[in-house]
Amino acid sequence: MTTSLQVGDKAPSFTTTAVGGDYASGTPLNLSELKGSPVVLYFYPKDDTPGCTTQACGIRDSWNELKKTGAAIFGVSIDPDKSHTKFITKFDLPFPLLSDTDKSIVEAYGVWVEKSMYGKKYMGTERTTFVIDAKGKIAAIFPKVKPAEHAGLLMKALQTL
């Protein structure tokens, strides 16, 4: 199963905690507060793992260009704030990460899926990115993002908004 959300749909609202960037650890964040500027939600499986680190560092390395688009960029995983803080510190990430420990956001966006590794099935987050326009509508969806290509895809999508 992958997301049933489509380009043009209203982005599902949520409230969670943010850490990093301009957010002190545990700062409450509601998606509706961000209306008026584009928002990127990039869902990733786990802090400080090879693919997720490549993806996060790609955004970090393109941060000055991405910031010029005016978009608010957030990484989202089911890891808690404490794990996010370590990840941000270790790799000097300039953007905030959102904690979805109750899995309500990954479920709302349809990225909590059955996965398989070494023949074992388990539930996990599918690496997917949503670009949301200033009106709160989904402008682009990048399913099964390749971590090394992610920042370039974001840049192209944000330049069209």
C-alpha atoms as a PDB file:
ATOM      1  CA  MET A   1       0.000   0.000   0.000  1.00  0.00           C
ATOM      2  CA  THR A   2       1.216   3.470  -0.806  1.00  0.00           C
ATOM      3  CA  THR A   3      -0.344   6.837  -0.188  1.00  0.00           C
ATOM      4  CA  SER A   4      -3.843   7.442  -1.502  1.00  0.00           C
ATOM      5  CA  LEU A   5      -3.199  11.173  -1.439  1.00  0.00           C
ATOM      6  CA  GLN A   6      -2.963  12.867  -4.823  1.00  0.00           C
ATOM      7  CA  VAL A   7      -1.570  16.135  -6.139  1.00  0.00           C
ATOM      8  CA  GLY A   8      -4.293  18.756  -5.570  1.00  0.00           C
ATOM      9  CA  ASP A   9      -5.608  17.146  -2.364  1.00  0.00           C
ATOM     10  CA  LYS A  10      -5.686  19.168   0.848  1.00  0.00           C
ATOM     11  CA  ALA A  11      -2.705  18.129   2.968  1.00  0.00           C
ATOM     12  CA  PRO A  12      -3.805  16.287   6.127  1.00  0.00           C
ATOM     13  CA  SER A  13      -3.408  18.541   9.149  1.00  0.00           C
ATOM     14  CA  PHE A  14      -1.554  17.430  12.249  1.00  0.00           C
ATOM     15  CA  THR A  15      -0.038  18.637  15.491  1.00  0.00           C
ATOM     16  CA  THR A  16       3.268  17.230  16.742  1.00  0.00           C
ATOM     17  CA  THR A  17       6.560  18.352  18.229  1.00  0.00           C
ATOM     18  CA  ALA A  18       9.487  19.838  16.343  1.00  0.00           C
ATOM     19  CA  VAL A  19      13.159  19.990  17.213  1.00  0.00           C
ATOM     20  CA  GLY A  20      15.972  21.772  15.396  1.00  0.00           C
ATOM     21  CA  GLY A  21      16.131  24.685  13.001  1.00  0.00           C
ATOM     22  CA  ASP A  22      14.205  27.555  14.599  1.00  0.00           C
ATOM     23  CA  TYR A  23      12.378  25.216  16.995  1.00  0.00           C
ATOM     24  CA  ALA A  24      13.444  24.505  20.569  1.00  0.00           C
ATOM     25  CA  SER A  25      13.156  20.823  21.447  1.00  0.00           C
ATOM     26  CA  GLY A  26       9.558  19.766  21.934  1.00  0.00           C
ATOM     27  CA  THR A  27       7.999  22.886  20.396  1.00  0.00           C
ATOM     28  CA  PRO A  28       4.386  22.133  19.369  1.00  0.00           C
ATOM     29  CA  LEU A  29       3.788  22.527  15.644  1.00  0.00           C
ATOM     30  CA  ASN A  30       0.514  22.440  13.737  1.00  0.00           C
ATOM     31  CA  LEU A  31       0.600  22.212   9.944  1.00  0.00           C
ATOM     32  CA  SER A  32      -2.173  24.833   9.647  1.00  0.00           C
ATOM     33  CA  GLU A  33       0.153  27.421  11.273  1.00  0.00           C
ATOM     34  CA  LEU A  34       2.379  27.208   8.192  1.00  0.00           C
ATOM     35  CA  LYS A  35      -0.253  28.228   5.615  1.00  0.00           C
ATOM     36  CA  GLY A  36       0.930  31.083   3.455  1.00  0.00           C
ATOM     37  CA  SER A  37       4.251  29.536   2.482  1.00  0.00           C
ATOM     38  CA  PRO A  38       5.207  26.240   0.855  1.00  0.00           C
ATOM     39  CA  VAL A  39       5.949  23.300   3.153  1.00  0.00           C
ATOM     40  CA  VAL A  40       8.007  20.194   2.497  1.00  0.00           C
ATOM     41  CA  LEU A  41       7.356  17.089   4.572  1.00  0.00           C
ATOM     42  CA  TYR A  42       9.912  14.428   3.878  1.00  0.00           C
ATOM     43  CA  PHE A  43       9.153  11.130   5.560  1.00  0.00           C
ATOM     44  CA  TYR A  44      12.113   8.892   6.314  1.00  0.00           C
ATOM     45  CA  PRO A  45      12.464   5.575   8.172  1.00  0.00           C
ATOM     46  CA  LYS A  46      15.005   6.184  10.959  1.00  0.00           C
ATOM     47  CA  ASP A  47      17.485   8.717  12.335  1.00  0.00           C
ATOM     48  CA  ASP A  48      21.205   8.090  11.756  1.00  0.00           C
ATOM     49  CA  THR A  49      20.874   5.187   9.308  1.00  0.00           C
ATOM     50  CA  PRO A  50      22.780   5.190   5.988  1.00  0.00           C
ATOM     51  CA  GLY A  51      20.005   6.198   3.546  1.00  0.00           C
ATOM     52  CA  CYS A  52      18.373   8.631   5.948  1.00  0.00           C
ATOM     53  CA  THR A  53      21.716  10.271   6.703  1.00  0.00           C
ATOM     54  CA  THR A  54      22.480  10.636   2.967  1.00  0.00           C
ATOM     55  CA  GLN A  55      19.068  12.218   2.450  1.00  0.00           C
ATOM     56  CA  ALA A  56      19.335  14.619   5.405  1.00  0.00           C
ATOM     57  CA  CYS A  57      22.901  15.646   4.540  1.00  0.00           C
ATOM     58  CA  GLY A  58      21.846  16.299   0.924  1.00  0.00           C
ATOM     59  CA  ILE A  59      19.258  18.785   2.195  1.00  0.00           C
ATOM     60  CA  ARG A  60      21.826  20.259   4.593  1.00  0.00           C
ATOM     61  CA  ASP A  61      24.329  20.709   1.762  1.00  0.00           C
ATOM     62  CA  SER A  62      21.687  22.422  -0.422  1.00  0.00           C
ATOM     63  CA  TRP A  63      20.193  24.383   2.478  1.00  0.00           C
ATOM     64  CA  ASN A  64      21.149  27.905   1.347  1.00  0.00           C
ATOM     65  CA  GLU A  65      19.533  27.359  -2.066  1.00  0.00           C
ATOM     66  CA  LEU A  66      16.472  25.599  -0.645  1.00  0.00           C
ATOM     67  CA  LYS A  67      15.946  28.375   1.920  1.00  0.00           C
ATOM     68  CA  LYS A  68      15.718  30.944  -0.885  1.00  0.00           C
ATOM     69  CA  THR A  69      12.495  29.267  -2.074  1.00  0.00           C
ATOM     70  CA  GLY A  70      10.764  30.375   1.141  1.00  0.00           C
ATOM     71  CA  ALA A  71       9.617  26.838   1.907  1.00  0.00           C
ATOM     72  CA  ALA A  72       9.501  25.406   5.410  1.00  0.00           C
ATOM     73  CA  ILE A  73      11.248  22.018   5.246  1.00  0.00           C
ATOM     74  CA  PHE A  74      10.677  19.280   7.822  1.00  0.00           C
ATOM     75  CA  GLY A  75      11.938  15.726   8.125  1.00  0.00           C
ATOM     76  CA  VAL A  76       9.348  13.413   9.683  1.00  0.00           C
ATOM     77  CA  SER A  77       9.989  10.060  11.343  1.00  0.00           C
ATOM     78  CA  ILE A  78       8.557   8.017  14.175  1.00  0.00           C
ATOM     79  CA  ASP A  79      11.711   8.632  16.238  1.00  0.00           C
ATOM     80  CA  PRO A  80      11.328  10.685  19.455  1.00  0.00           C
ATOM     81  CA  ASP A  81      12.693  14.227  19.941  1.00  0.00           C
ATOM     82  CA  LYS A  82      15.740  12.898  21.833  1.00  0.00           C
ATOM     83  CA  SER A  83      16.801  10.781  18.832  1.00  0.00           C
ATOM     84  CA  HIS A  84      16.178  13.725  16.475  1.00  0.00           C
ATOM     85  CA  THR A  85      18.340  15.994  18.643  1.00  0.00           C
ATOM     86  CA  LYS A  86      21.268  13.554  18.442  1.00  0.00           C
ATOM     87  CA  PHE A  87      20.830  13.211  14.654  1.00  0.00           C
ATOM     88  CA  ILE A  88      20.693  16.997  14.162  1.00  0.00           C
ATOM     89  CA  THR A  89      23.766  17.544  16.344  1.00  0.00           C
ATOM     90  CA  LYS A  90      25.831  14.736  14.804  1.00  0.00           C
ATOM     91  CA  PHE A  91      25.280  15.931  11.214  1.00  0.00           C
ATOM     92  CA  ASP A  92      24.775  19.675  11.812  1.00  0.00           C
ATOM     93  CA  LEU A  93      21.320  19.657  10.234  1.00  0.00           C
ATOM     94  CA  PRO A  94      19.928  23.209   9.823  1.00  0.00           C
ATOM     95  CA  PHE A  95      16.256  22.215   9.479  1.00  0.00           C
ATOM     96  CA  PRO A  96      13.736  20.853  11.999  1.00  0.00           C
ATOM     97  CA  LEU A  97      12.654  17.263  12.421  1.00  0.00           C
ATOM     98  CA  LEU A  98       9.164  16.265  13.508  1.00  0.00           C
ATOM     99  CA  SER A  99       8.426  13.417  15.904  1.00  0.00           C
ATOM    100  CA  ASP A 100       5.546  11.122  15.009  1.00  0.00           C
ATOM    101  CA  THR A 101       5.863   8.628  17.849  1.00  0.00           C
ATOM    102  CA  ASP A 102       2.141   7.759  17.738  1.00  0.00           C
ATOM    103  CA  LYS A 103       2.345   7.202  13.936  1.00  0.00           C
ATOM    104  CA  SER A 104      -0.657   9.473  13.305  1.00  0.00           C
ATOM    105  CA  ILE A 105       1.140  11.540  10.636  1.00  0.00           C
ATOM    106  CA  VAL A 106       2.680   8.602   8.731  1.00  0.00           C
ATOM    107  CA  GLU A 107      -0.761   6.967   8.737  1.00  0.00           C
ATOM    108  CA  ALA A 108      -2.567  10.155   7.614  1.00  0.00           C
ATOM    109  CA  TYR A 109      -0.135  10.539   4.711  1.00  0.00           C
ATOM    110  CA  GLY A 110      -0.296   6.831   3.822  1.00  0.00           C
ATOM    111  CA  VAL A 111       3.423   6.152   4.243  1.00  0.00           C
ATOM    112  CA  TRP A 112       3.192   3.633   7.134  1.00  0.00           C
ATOM    113  CA  VAL A 113       3.431   0.463   5.074  1.00  0.00           C
ATOM    114  CA  GLU A 114       4.346  -3.184   5.210  1.00  0.00           C
ATOM    115  CA  LYS A 115       7.989  -3.637   4.248  1.00  0.00           C
ATOM    116  CA  SER A 116      10.160  -6.674   3.764  1.00  0.00           C
ATOM    117  CA  MET A 117      13.836  -7.232   4.556  1.00  0.00           C
ATOM    118  CA  TYR A 118      15.636 -10.558   4.360  1.00  0.00           C
ATOM    119  CA  GLY A 119      12.278 -12.291   3.957  1.00  0.00           C
ATOM    120  CA  LYS A 120      10.809 -10.795   7.126  1.00  0.00           C
ATOM    121  CA  LYS A 121       7.774  -8.553   6.889  1.00  0.00           C
ATOM    122  CA  TYR A 122       7.384  -5.581   9.207  1.00  0.00           C
ATOM    123  CA  MET A 123       5.677  -2.183   9.322  1.00  0.00           C
ATOM    124  CA  GLY A 124       7.749   0.898   8.602  1.00  0.00           C
ATOM    125  CA  THR A 125       7.874   4.327   7.004  1.00  0.00           C
ATOM    126  CA  GLU A 126       8.146   4.459   3.226  1.00  0.00           C
ATOM    127  CA  ARG A 127      10.563   7.178   2.151  1.00  0.00           C
ATOM    128  CA  THR A 128       8.172   9.681   0.545  1.00  0.00           C
ATOM    129  CA  THR A 129       8.188  13.462   0.196  1.00  0.00           C
ATOM    130  CA  PHE A 130       5.192  15.787  -0.046  1.00  0.00           C
ATOM    131  CA  VAL A 131       5.478  19.372  -1.293  1.00  0.00           C
ATOM    132  CA  ILE A 132       2.543  21.447  -0.046  1.00  0.00           C
ATOM    133  CA  ASP A 133       1.717  24.816  -1.608  1.00  0.00           C
ATOM    134  CA  ALA A 134       0.983  28.033   0.296  1.00  0.00           C
ATOM    135  CA  LYS A 135      -2.769  27.235   0.281  1.00  0.00           C
ATOM    136  CA  GLY A 136      -2.281  23.863   1.990  1.00  0.00           C
ATOM    137  CA  LYS A 137      -2.760  21.728  -1.135  1.00  0.00           C
ATOM    138  CA  ILE A 138      -0.364  18.962  -2.164  1.00  0.00           C
ATOM    139  CA  ALA A 139       1.678  20.269  -5.110  1.00  0.00           C
ATOM    140  CA  ALA A 140       4.024  17.281  -5.593  1.00  0.00           C
ATOM    141  CA  ILE A 141       4.585  13.786  -4.235  1.00  0.00           C
ATOM    142  CA  PHE A 142       7.873  11.923  -4.539  1.00  0.00           C
ATOM    143  CA  PRO A 143       7.323   8.268  -3.598  1.00  0.00           C
ATOM    144  CA  LYS A 144      10.255   5.958  -2.791  1.00  0.00           C
ATOM    145  CA  VAL A 145      12.752   8.820  -3.058  1.00  0.00           C
ATOM    146  CA  LYS A 146      16.379   7.912  -3.724  1.00  0.00           C
ATOM    147  CA  PRO A 147      18.263   9.640  -0.877  1.00  0.00           C
ATOM    148  CA  ALA A 148      21.096  11.020  -3.035  1.00  0.00           C
ATOM    149  CA  GLU A 149      18.656  12.592  -5.548  1.00  0.00           C
ATOM    150  CA  HIS A 150      16.260  14.079  -3.012  1.00  0.00           C
ATOM    151  CA  ALA A 151      17.627  17.638  -2.655  1.00  0.00           C
ATOM    152  CA  GLY A 152      17.665  18.150  -6.430  1.00  0.00           C
ATOM    153  CA  LEU A 153      14.051  16.973  -6.765  1.00  0.00           C
ATOM    154  CA  LEU A 154      13.009  19.338  -3.981  1.00  0.00           C
ATOM    155  CA  MET A 155      14.729  22.281  -5.609  1.00  0.00           C
ATOM    156  CA  LYS A 156      12.973  21.686  -8.956  1.00  0.00           C
ATOM    157  CA  ALA A 157       9.567  21.261  -7.300  1.00  0.00           C
ATOM    158  CA  LEU A 158       9.909  24.351  -5.115  1.00  0.00           C
ATOM    159  CA  GLN A 159      11.013  26.541  -8.027  1.00  0.00           C
ATOM    160  CA  THR A 160       7.686  25.831  -9.776  1.00  0.00           C
ATOM    161  CA  LEU A 161       5.539  27.055  -6.846  1.00  0.00           C
END
